[in-house]
Amino acid sequence: SKVGKMEIAYVGTQSLTPDNAGCLVYGGSELRVARGGFDALRRLDLADRERRAIDLACQYDAAVSAAYPALIASRRNYDVAFGLGADGRPRY
């Protein structure tokens, strides 16, 4: 995200919480934030999964920038999900 010349990058995990009816709903996010871009974020002490999420977001960001070079966005947010496929192999 960029405001004027200031830029931040973040990676985090969303959590679920039960609502009054017992259904799971969005319960907030735990974010790790760095002043600067992806490189500043990578300098933090990160878990392997956080690093992988950043790498995937960077690949997507580069693809979007290449496909739409005139695109201007004040905020870009990429969701990366990790899980297992029906075959038991990791999916992201």
PDB file of N, CA and C in Angstrom:
ATOM      1  N   SER A   1       0.839  -1.173   0.000  1.00  0.00           N
ATOM      2  CA  SER A   1       0.000   0.000   0.000  1.00  0.00           C
ATOM      3  C   SER A   1       0.883   1.234   0.000  1.00  0.00           C
ATOM      4  N   LYS A   2       0.477   2.264  -0.714  1.00  0.00           N
ATOM      5  CA  LYS A   2       1.279   3.468  -0.849  1.00  0.00           C
ATOM      6  C   LYS A   2       0.407   4.692  -0.628  1.00  0.00           C
ATOM      7  N   VAL A   3       0.888   5.607   0.201  1.00  0.00           N
ATOM      8  CA  VAL A   3       0.236   6.901   0.411  1.00  0.00           C
ATOM      9  C   VAL A   3       1.300   7.947   0.147  1.00  0.00           C
ATOM     10  N   GLY A   4       1.111   8.740  -0.908  1.00  0.00           N
ATOM     11  CA  GLY A   4       2.151   9.674  -1.303  1.00  0.00           C
ATOM     12  C   GLY A   4       3.407   8.901  -1.651  1.00  0.00           C
ATOM     13  N   LYS A   5       4.493   9.221  -0.978  1.00  0.00           N
ATOM     14  CA  LYS A   5       5.745   8.498  -1.204  1.00  0.00           C
ATOM     15  C   LYS A   5       5.966   7.387  -0.177  1.00  0.00           C
ATOM     16  N   MET A   6       5.070   7.288   0.811  1.00  0.00           N
ATOM     17  CA  MET A   6       5.217   6.266   1.839  1.00  0.00           C
ATOM     18  C   MET A   6       4.590   4.957   1.371  1.00  0.00           C
ATOM     19  N   GLU A   7       5.305   3.872   1.590  1.00  0.00           N
ATOM     20  CA  GLU A   7       4.829   2.563   1.173  1.00  0.00           C
ATOM     21  C   GLU A   7       4.987   1.584   2.332  1.00  0.00           C
ATOM     22  N   ILE A   8       4.015   0.691   2.490  1.00  0.00           N
ATOM     23  CA  ILE A   8       4.133  -0.395   3.442  1.00  0.00           C
ATOM     24  C   ILE A   8       3.798  -1.698   2.737  1.00  0.00           C
ATOM     25  N   ALA A   9       4.299  -2.777   3.282  1.00  0.00           N
ATOM     26  CA  ALA A   9       3.960  -4.113   2.808  1.00  0.00           C
ATOM     27  C   ALA A   9       3.626  -4.944   4.037  1.00  0.00           C
ATOM     28  N   TYR A  10       2.731  -5.898   3.860  1.00  0.00           N
ATOM     29  CA  TYR A  10       2.353  -6.713   5.011  1.00  0.00           C
ATOM     30  C   TYR A  10       2.014  -8.129   4.582  1.00  0.00           C
ATOM     31  N   VAL A  11       2.138  -9.024   5.540  1.00  0.00           N
ATOM     32  CA  VAL A  11       1.735 -10.409   5.370  1.00  0.00           C
ATOM     33  C   VAL A  11       1.040 -10.793   6.669  1.00  0.00           C
ATOM     34  N   GLY A  12       0.038 -11.642   6.579  1.00  0.00           N
ATOM     35  CA  GLY A  12      -0.667 -11.988   7.803  1.00  0.00           C
ATOM     36  C   GLY A  12      -1.562 -13.188   7.639  1.00  0.00           C
ATOM     37  N   THR A  13      -2.239 -13.485   8.732  1.00  0.00           N
ATOM     38  CA  THR A  13      -3.136 -14.632   8.791  1.00  0.00           C
ATOM     39  C   THR A  13      -4.504 -14.167   9.276  1.00  0.00           C
ATOM     40  N   GLN A  14      -5.539 -14.593   8.556  1.00  0.00           N
ATOM     41  CA  GLN A  14      -6.896 -14.301   8.975  1.00  0.00           C
ATOM     42  C   GLN A  14      -7.377 -15.419   9.896  1.00  0.00           C
ATOM     43  N   SER A  15      -8.215 -15.057  10.858  1.00  0.00           N
ATOM     44  CA  SER A  15      -8.765 -16.068  11.753  1.00  0.00           C
ATOM     45  C   SER A  15     -10.282 -16.038  11.705  1.00  0.00           C
ATOM     46  N   LEU A  16     -10.885 -17.110  12.200  1.00  0.00           N
ATOM     47  CA  LEU A  16     -12.336 -17.227  12.279  1.00  0.00           C
ATOM     48  C   LEU A  16     -12.752 -17.235  13.739  1.00  0.00           C
ATOM     49  N   THR A  17     -13.981 -16.809  13.972  1.00  0.00           N
ATOM     50  CA  THR A  17     -14.559 -16.817  15.312  1.00  0.00           C
ATOM     51  C   THR A  17     -16.045 -17.120  15.173  1.00  0.00           C
ATOM     52  N   PRO A  18     -16.641 -17.779  16.153  1.00  0.00           N
ATOM     53  CA  PRO A  18     -18.074 -18.053  16.050  1.00  0.00           C
ATOM     54  C   PRO A  18     -18.913 -16.801  16.305  1.00  0.00           C
ATOM     55  N   ASP A  19     -19.968 -16.625  15.498  1.00  0.00           N
ATOM     56  CA  ASP A  19     -20.895 -15.508  15.746  1.00  0.00           C
ATOM     57  C   ASP A  19     -21.928 -15.954  16.787  1.00  0.00           C
ATOM     58  N   ASN A  20     -22.930 -15.143  17.023  1.00  0.00           N
ATOM     59  CA  ASN A  20     -23.929 -15.451  18.050  1.00  0.00           C
ATOM     60  C   ASN A  20     -24.721 -16.721  17.756  1.00  0.00           C
ATOM     61  N   ALA A  21     -24.776 -17.111  16.483  1.00  0.00           N
ATOM     62  CA  ALA A  21     -25.490 -18.333  16.103  1.00  0.00           C
ATOM     63  C   ALA A  21     -24.559 -19.542  16.045  1.00  0.00           C
ATOM     64  N   GLY A  22     -23.279 -19.326  16.347  1.00  0.00           N
ATOM     65  CA  GLY A  22     -22.314 -20.426  16.316  1.00  0.00           C
ATOM     66  C   GLY A  22     -21.667 -20.663  14.969  1.00  0.00           C
ATOM     67  N   CYS A  23     -21.988 -19.829  13.977  1.00  0.00           N
ATOM     68  CA  CYS A  23     -21.380 -19.961  12.647  1.00  0.00           C
ATOM     69  C   CYS A  23     -20.023 -19.268  12.651  1.00  0.00           C
ATOM     70  N   LEU A  24     -19.070 -19.876  11.959  1.00  0.00           N
ATOM     71  CA  LEU A  24     -17.748 -19.264  11.882  1.00  0.00           C
ATOM     72  C   LEU A  24     -17.763 -18.082  10.923  1.00  0.00           C
ATOM     73  N   VAL A  25     -17.236 -16.961  11.380  1.00  0.00           N
ATOM     74  CA  VAL A  25     -17.151 -15.738  10.588  1.00  0.00           C
ATOM     75  C   VAL A  25     -15.755 -15.155  10.749  1.00  0.00           C
ATOM     76  N   TYR A  26     -15.436 -14.171   9.911  1.00  0.00           N
ATOM     77  CA  TYR A  26     -14.131 -13.506   9.983  1.00  0.00           C
ATOM     78  C   TYR A  26     -13.921 -12.948  11.385  1.00  0.00           C
ATOM     79  N   GLY A  27     -12.779 -13.284  11.960  1.00  0.00           N
ATOM     80  CA  GLY A  27     -12.486 -12.866  13.328  1.00  0.00           C
ATOM     81  C   GLY A  27     -11.294 -11.945  13.456  1.00  0.00           C
ATOM     82  N   GLY A  28     -10.793 -11.418  12.340  1.00  0.00           N
ATOM     83  CA  GLY A  28      -9.675 -10.491  12.406  1.00  0.00           C
ATOM     84  C   GLY A  28      -8.442 -11.046  11.714  1.00  0.00           C
ATOM     85  N   SER A  29      -7.419 -10.222  11.667  1.00  0.00           N
ATOM     86  CA  SER A  29      -6.154 -10.595  11.018  1.00  0.00           C
ATOM     87  C   SER A  29      -4.990 -10.252  11.925  1.00  0.00           C
ATOM     88  N   GLU A  30      -3.982 -11.075  11.890  1.00  0.00           N
ATOM     89  CA  GLU A  30      -2.720 -10.780  12.552  1.00  0.00           C
ATOM     90  C   GLU A  30      -1.727 -10.450  11.447  1.00  0.00           C
ATOM     91  N   LEU A  31      -1.252  -9.198  11.437  1.00  0.00           N
ATOM     92  CA  LEU A  31      -0.399  -8.722  10.350  1.00  0.00           C
ATOM     93  C   LEU A  31       1.021  -8.447  10.828  1.00  0.00           C
ATOM     94  N   ARG A  32       1.963  -8.695   9.950  1.00  0.00           N
ATOM     95  CA  ARG A  32       3.356  -8.287  10.139  1.00  0.00           C
ATOM     96  C   ARG A  32       3.610  -7.234   9.062  1.00  0.00           C
ATOM     97  N   VAL A  33       3.985  -6.044   9.482  1.00  0.00           N
ATOM     98  CA  VAL A  33       4.054  -4.884   8.589  1.00  0.00           C
ATOM     99  C   VAL A  33       5.485  -4.365   8.528  1.00  0.00           C
ATOM    100  N   ALA A  34       5.893  -3.961   7.329  1.00  0.00           N
ATOM    101  CA  ALA A  34       7.204  -3.339   7.133  1.00  0.00           C
ATOM    102  C   ALA A  34       7.024  -2.044   6.358  1.00  0.00           C
ATOM    103  N   ARG A  35       7.728  -1.016   6.759  1.00  0.00           N
ATOM    104  CA  ARG A  35       7.735   0.230   5.990  1.00  0.00           C
ATOM    105  C   ARG A  35       8.614  -0.011   4.776  1.00  0.00           C
ATOM    106  N   GLY A  36       8.024   0.143   3.602  1.00  0.00           N
ATOM    107  CA  GLY A  36       8.716  -0.147   2.351  1.00  0.00           C
ATOM    108  C   GLY A  36       7.936  -1.206   1.591  1.00  0.00           C
ATOM    109  N   GLY A  37       8.533  -1.751   0.561  1.00  0.00           N
ATOM    110  CA  GLY A  37       7.861  -2.727  -0.282  1.00  0.00           C
ATOM    111  C   GLY A  37       8.156  -4.161   0.115  1.00  0.00           C
ATOM    112  N   PHE A  38       8.028  -5.049  -0.870  1.00  0.00           N
ATOM    113  CA  PHE A  38       8.237  -6.470  -0.619  1.00  0.00           C
ATOM    114  C   PHE A  38       9.629  -6.763  -0.067  1.00  0.00           C
ATOM    115  N   ASP A  39      10.646  -6.063  -0.555  1.00  0.00           N
ATOM    116  CA  ASP A  39      12.010  -6.312  -0.071  1.00  0.00           C
ATOM    117  C   ASP A  39      12.134  -5.980   1.412  1.00  0.00           C
ATOM    118  N   ALA A  40      11.511  -4.898   1.848  1.00  0.00           N
ATOM    119  CA  ALA A  40      11.533  -4.543   3.270  1.00  0.00           C
ATOM    120  C   ALA A  40      10.809  -5.610   4.090  1.00  0.00           C
ATOM    121  N   LEU A  41       9.724  -6.119   3.563  1.00  0.00           N
ATOM    122  CA  LEU A  41       8.972  -7.161   4.255  1.00  0.00           C
ATOM    123  C   LEU A  41       9.808  -8.431   4.391  1.00  0.00           C
ATOM    124  N   ARG A  42      10.527  -8.780   3.340  1.00  0.00           N
ATOM    125  CA  ARG A  42      11.369  -9.989   3.374  1.00  0.00           C
ATOM    126  C   ARG A  42      12.506  -9.890   4.393  1.00  0.00           C
ATOM    127  N   ARG A  43      12.885  -8.672   4.796  1.00  0.00           N
ATOM    128  CA  ARG A  43      13.961  -8.521   5.782  1.00  0.00           C
ATOM    129  C   ARG A  43      13.501  -8.837   7.209  1.00  0.00           C
ATOM    130  N   LEU A  44      12.196  -8.983   7.414  1.00  0.00           N
ATOM    131  CA  LEU A  44      11.684  -9.346   8.732  1.00  0.00           C
ATOM    132  C   LEU A  44      11.968 -10.821   9.024  1.00  0.00           C
ATOM    133  N   ASP A  45      11.927 -11.182  10.290  1.00  0.00           N
ATOM    134  CA  ASP A  45      12.075 -12.573  10.707  1.00  0.00           C
ATOM    135  C   ASP A  45      10.747 -13.273  10.436  1.00  0.00           C
ATOM    136  N   LEU A  46      10.650 -13.966   9.311  1.00  0.00           N
ATOM    137  CA  LEU A  46       9.389 -14.537   8.848  1.00  0.00           C
ATOM    138  C   LEU A  46       9.418 -16.056   8.872  1.00  0.00           C
ATOM    139  N   ALA A  47       8.253 -16.644   9.013  1.00  0.00           N
ATOM    140  CA  ALA A  47       8.104 -18.097   8.892  1.00  0.00           C
ATOM    141  C   ALA A  47       8.181 -18.477   7.416  1.00  0.00           C
ATOM    142  N   ASP A  48       8.496 -19.741   7.148  1.00  0.00           N
ATOM    143  CA  ASP A  48       8.598 -20.221   5.765  1.00  0.00           C
ATOM    144  C   ASP A  48       7.307 -19.986   4.990  1.00  0.00           C
ATOM    145  N   ARG A  49       6.167 -20.218   5.626  1.00  0.00           N
ATOM    146  CA  ARG A  49       4.882 -20.042   4.948  1.00  0.00           C
ATOM    147  C   ARG A  49       4.651 -18.571   4.608  1.00  0.00           C
ATOM    148  N   GLU A  50       5.065 -17.665   5.478  1.00  0.00           N
ATOM    149  CA  GLU A  50       4.933 -16.236   5.194  1.00  0.00           C
ATOM    150  C   GLU A  50       5.799 -15.861   3.994  1.00  0.00           C
ATOM    151  N   ARG A  51       7.017 -16.375   3.954  1.00  0.00           N
ATOM    152  CA  ARG A  51       7.908 -16.108   2.809  1.00  0.00           C
ATOM    153  C   ARG A  51       7.306 -16.645   1.511  1.00  0.00           C
ATOM    154  N   ARG A  52       6.723 -17.832   1.561  1.00  0.00           N
ATOM    155  CA  ARG A  52       6.112 -18.429   0.370  1.00  0.00           C
ATOM    156  C   ARG A  52       4.931 -17.573  -0.092  1.00  0.00           C
ATOM    157  N   ALA A  53       4.123 -17.099   0.848  1.00  0.00           N
ATOM    158  CA  ALA A  53       2.982 -16.245   0.494  1.00  0.00           C
ATOM    159  C   ALA A  53       3.470 -14.959  -0.178  1.00  0.00           C
ATOM    160  N   ILE A  54       4.541 -14.376   0.343  1.00  0.00           N
ATOM    161  CA  ILE A  54       5.102 -13.158  -0.255  1.00  0.00           C
ATOM    162  C   ILE A  54       5.601 -13.435  -1.663  1.00  0.00           C
ATOM    163  N   ASP A  55       6.298 -14.562  -1.839  1.00  0.00           N
ATOM    164  CA  ASP A  55       6.791 -14.922  -3.174  1.00  0.00           C
ATOM    165  C   ASP A  55       5.637 -15.068  -4.166  1.00  0.00           C
ATOM    166  N   LEU A  56       4.570 -15.740  -3.749  1.00  0.00           N
ATOM    167  CA  LEU A  56       3.412 -15.921  -4.634  1.00  0.00           C
ATOM    168  C   LEU A  56       2.736 -14.589  -4.941  1.00  0.00           C
ATOM    169  N   ALA A  57       2.617 -13.728  -3.945  1.00  0.00           N
ATOM    170  CA  ALA A  57       2.024 -12.404  -4.171  1.00  0.00           C
ATOM    171  C   ALA A  57       2.880 -11.594  -5.135  1.00  0.00           C
ATOM    172  N   CYS A  58       4.194 -11.688  -5.003  1.00  0.00           N
ATOM    173  CA  CYS A  58       5.100 -10.964  -5.911  1.00  0.00           C
ATOM    174  C   CYS A  58       4.956 -11.459  -7.352  1.00  0.00           C
ATOM    175  N   GLN A  59       4.834 -12.773  -7.521  1.00  0.00           N
ATOM    176  CA  GLN A  59       4.652 -13.329  -8.867  1.00  0.00           C
ATOM    177  C   GLN A  59       3.357 -12.807  -9.481  1.00  0.00           C
ATOM    178  N   TYR A  60       2.296 -12.795  -8.706  1.00  0.00           N
ATOM    179  CA  TYR A  60       1.010 -12.299  -9.192  1.00  0.00           C
ATOM    180  C   TYR A  60       1.099 -10.807  -9.505  1.00  0.00           C
ATOM    181  N   ASP A  61       1.728 -10.051  -8.612  1.00  0.00           N
ATOM    182  CA  ASP A  61       1.880  -8.613  -8.798  1.00  0.00           C
ATOM    183  C   ASP A  61       2.649  -8.315 -10.097  1.00  0.00           C
ATOM    184  N   ALA A  62       3.700  -9.060 -10.346  1.00  0.00           N
ATOM    185  CA  ALA A  62       4.486  -8.872 -11.573  1.00  0.00           C
ATOM    186  C   ALA A  62       3.662  -9.201 -12.812  1.00  0.00           C
ATOM    187  N   ALA A  63       2.857 -10.262 -12.738  1.00  0.00           N
ATOM    188  CA  ALA A  63       2.018 -10.648 -13.878  1.00  0.00           C
ATOM    189  C   ALA A  63       0.966  -9.575 -14.170  1.00  0.00           C
ATOM    190  N   VAL A  64       0.346  -9.044 -13.122  1.00  0.00           N
ATOM    191  CA  VAL A  64      -0.659  -7.991 -13.314  1.00  0.00           C
ATOM    192  C   VAL A  64       0.002  -6.744 -13.895  1.00  0.00           C
ATOM    193  N   SER A  65       1.169  -6.378 -13.373  1.00  0.00           N
ATOM    194  CA  SER A  65       1.878  -5.193 -13.868  1.00  0.00           C
ATOM    195  C   SER A  65       2.269  -5.345 -15.331  1.00  0.00           C
ATOM    196  N   ALA A  66       2.658  -6.555 -15.725  1.00  0.00           N
ATOM    197  CA  ALA A  66       3.030  -6.804 -17.123  1.00  0.00           C
ATOM    198  C   ALA A  66       1.798  -6.753 -18.030  1.00  0.00           C
ATOM    199  N   ALA A  67       0.681  -7.289 -17.555  1.00  0.00           N
ATOM    200  CA  ALA A  67      -0.534  -7.336 -18.370  1.00  0.00           C
ATOM    201  C   ALA A  67      -1.229  -5.983 -18.458  1.00  0.00           C
ATOM    202  N   TYR A  68      -1.103  -5.187 -17.396  1.00  0.00           N
ATOM    203  CA  TYR A  68      -1.784  -3.888 -17.328  1.00  0.00           C
ATOM    204  C   TYR A  68      -0.805  -2.804 -16.881  1.00  0.00           C
ATOM    205  N   PRO A  69       0.136  -2.446 -17.732  1.00  0.00           N
ATOM    206  CA  PRO A  69       1.190  -1.507 -17.324  1.00  0.00           C
ATOM    207  C   PRO A  69       0.681  -0.111 -16.940  1.00  0.00           C
ATOM    208  N   ALA A  70      -0.484   0.278 -17.396  1.00  0.00           N
ATOM    209  CA  ALA A  70      -1.009   1.608 -17.062  1.00  0.00           C
ATOM    210  C   ALA A  70      -1.855   1.611 -15.784  1.00  0.00           C
ATOM    211  N   LEU A  71      -2.046   0.449 -15.173  1.00  0.00           N
ATOM    212  CA  LEU A  71      -2.872   0.339 -13.977  1.00  0.00           C
ATOM    213  C   LEU A  71      -2.226   1.077 -12.802  1.00  0.00           C
ATOM    214  N   ILE A  72      -3.020   1.911 -12.153  1.00  0.00           N
ATOM    215  CA  ILE A  72      -2.583   2.605 -10.947  1.00  0.00           C
ATOM    216  C   ILE A  72      -3.523   2.174  -9.827  1.00  0.00           C
ATOM    217  N   ALA A  73      -2.953   1.629  -8.758  1.00  0.00           N
ATOM    218  CA  ALA A  73      -3.757   1.198  -7.611  1.00  0.00           C
ATOM    219  C   ALA A  73      -3.116   1.734  -6.344  1.00  0.00           C
ATOM    220  N   SER A  74      -3.915   2.382  -5.503  1.00  0.00           N
ATOM    221  CA  SER A  74      -3.366   2.923  -4.260  1.00  0.00           C
ATOM    222  C   SER A  74      -3.155   1.828  -3.228  1.00  0.00           C
ATOM    223  N   ARG A  75      -3.841   0.715  -3.404  1.00  0.00           N
ATOM    224  CA  ARG A  75      -3.691  -0.400  -2.479  1.00  0.00           C
ATOM    225  C   ARG A  75      -3.869  -1.693  -3.253  1.00  0.00           C
ATOM    226  N   ARG A  76      -2.965  -2.614  -3.015  1.00  0.00           N
ATOM    227  CA  ARG A  76      -3.075  -3.930  -3.645  1.00  0.00           C
ATOM    228  C   ARG A  76      -3.014  -4.968  -2.539  1.00  0.00           C
ATOM    229  N   ASN A  77      -3.964  -5.868  -2.528  1.00  0.00           N
ATOM    230  CA  ASN A  77      -4.058  -6.882  -1.492  1.00  0.00           C
ATOM    231  C   ASN A  77      -4.258  -8.228  -2.167  1.00  0.00           C
ATOM    232  N   TYR A  78      -3.380  -9.167  -1.902  1.00  0.00           N
ATOM    233  CA  TYR A  78      -3.467 -10.489  -2.531  1.00  0.00           C
ATOM    234  C   TYR A  78      -3.682 -11.539  -1.452  1.00  0.00           C
ATOM    235  N   ASP A  79      -4.736 -12.325  -1.590  1.00  0.00           N
ATOM    236  CA  ASP A  79      -4.985 -13.417  -0.660  1.00  0.00           C
ATOM    237  C   ASP A  79      -4.314 -14.668  -1.199  1.00  0.00           C
ATOM    238  N   VAL A  80      -3.567 -15.336  -0.356  1.00  0.00           N
ATOM    239  CA  VAL A  80      -2.912 -16.591  -0.697  1.00  0.00           C
ATOM    240  C   VAL A  80      -3.403 -17.628   0.293  1.00  0.00           C
ATOM    241  N   ALA A  81      -3.981 -18.707  -0.197  1.00  0.00           N
ATOM    242  CA  ALA A  81      -4.491 -19.767   0.674  1.00  0.00           C
ATOM    243  C   ALA A  81      -3.602 -20.999   0.542  1.00  0.00           C
ATOM    244  N   PHE A  82      -3.363 -21.653   1.646  1.00  0.00           N
ATOM    245  CA  PHE A  82      -2.593 -22.891   1.683  1.00  0.00           C
ATOM    246  C   PHE A  82      -3.516 -24.014   2.128  1.00  0.00           C
ATOM    247  N   GLY A  83      -3.391 -25.171   1.509  1.00  0.00           N
ATOM    248  CA  GLY A  83      -4.207 -26.314   1.902  1.00  0.00           C
ATOM    249  C   GLY A  83      -3.728 -27.563   1.204  1.00  0.00           C
ATOM    250  N   LEU A  84      -4.534 -28.607   1.289  1.00  0.00           N
ATOM    251  CA  LEU A  84      -4.214 -29.876   0.647  1.00  0.00           C
ATOM    252  C   LEU A  84      -5.291 -30.194  -0.380  1.00  0.00           C
ATOM    253  N   GLY A  85      -4.856 -30.720  -1.533  1.00  0.00           N
ATOM    254  CA  GLY A  85      -5.787 -31.164  -2.553  1.00  0.00           C
ATOM    255  C   GLY A  85      -6.358 -32.524  -2.196  1.00  0.00           C
ATOM    256  N   ALA A  86      -7.303 -32.997  -3.002  1.00  0.00           N
ATOM    257  CA  ALA A  86      -7.923 -34.304  -2.766  1.00  0.00           C
ATOM    258  C   ALA A  86      -6.889 -35.419  -2.767  1.00  0.00           C
ATOM    259  N   ASP A  87      -5.781 -35.200  -3.481  1.00  0.00           N
ATOM    260  CA  ASP A  87      -4.716 -36.199  -3.552  1.00  0.00           C
ATOM    261  C   ASP A  87      -3.741 -36.088  -2.375  1.00  0.00           C
ATOM    262  N   GLY A  88      -4.001 -35.140  -1.454  1.00  0.00           N
ATOM    263  CA  GLY A  88      -3.144 -34.978  -0.284  1.00  0.00           C
ATOM    264  C   GLY A  88      -1.930 -34.103  -0.509  1.00  0.00           C
ATOM    265  N   ARG A  89      -1.744 -33.623  -1.738  1.00  0.00           N
ATOM    266  CA  ARG A  89      -0.587 -32.754  -2.026  1.00  0.00           C
ATOM    267  C   ARG A  89      -0.902 -31.314  -1.697  1.00  0.00           C
ATOM    268  N   PRO A  90       0.129 -30.546  -1.306  1.00  0.00           N
ATOM    269  CA  PRO A  90      -0.099 -29.128  -0.980  1.00  0.00           C
ATOM    270  C   PRO A  90      -0.642 -28.346  -2.176  1.00  0.00           C
ATOM    271  N   ARG A  91      -1.525 -27.414  -1.887  1.00  0.00           N
ATOM    272  CA  ARG A  91      -2.095 -26.503  -2.898  1.00  0.00           C
ATOM    273  C   ARG A  91      -2.010 -25.077  -2.367  1.00  0.00           C
ATOM    274  N   TYR A  92      -1.661 -24.139  -3.241  1.00  0.00           N
ATOM    275  CA  TYR A  92      -1.637 -22.720  -2.903  1.00  0.00           C
ATOM    276  C   TYR A  92      -1.768 -21.934  -4.165  1.00  0.00           C
TER     277      TYR A  92
END
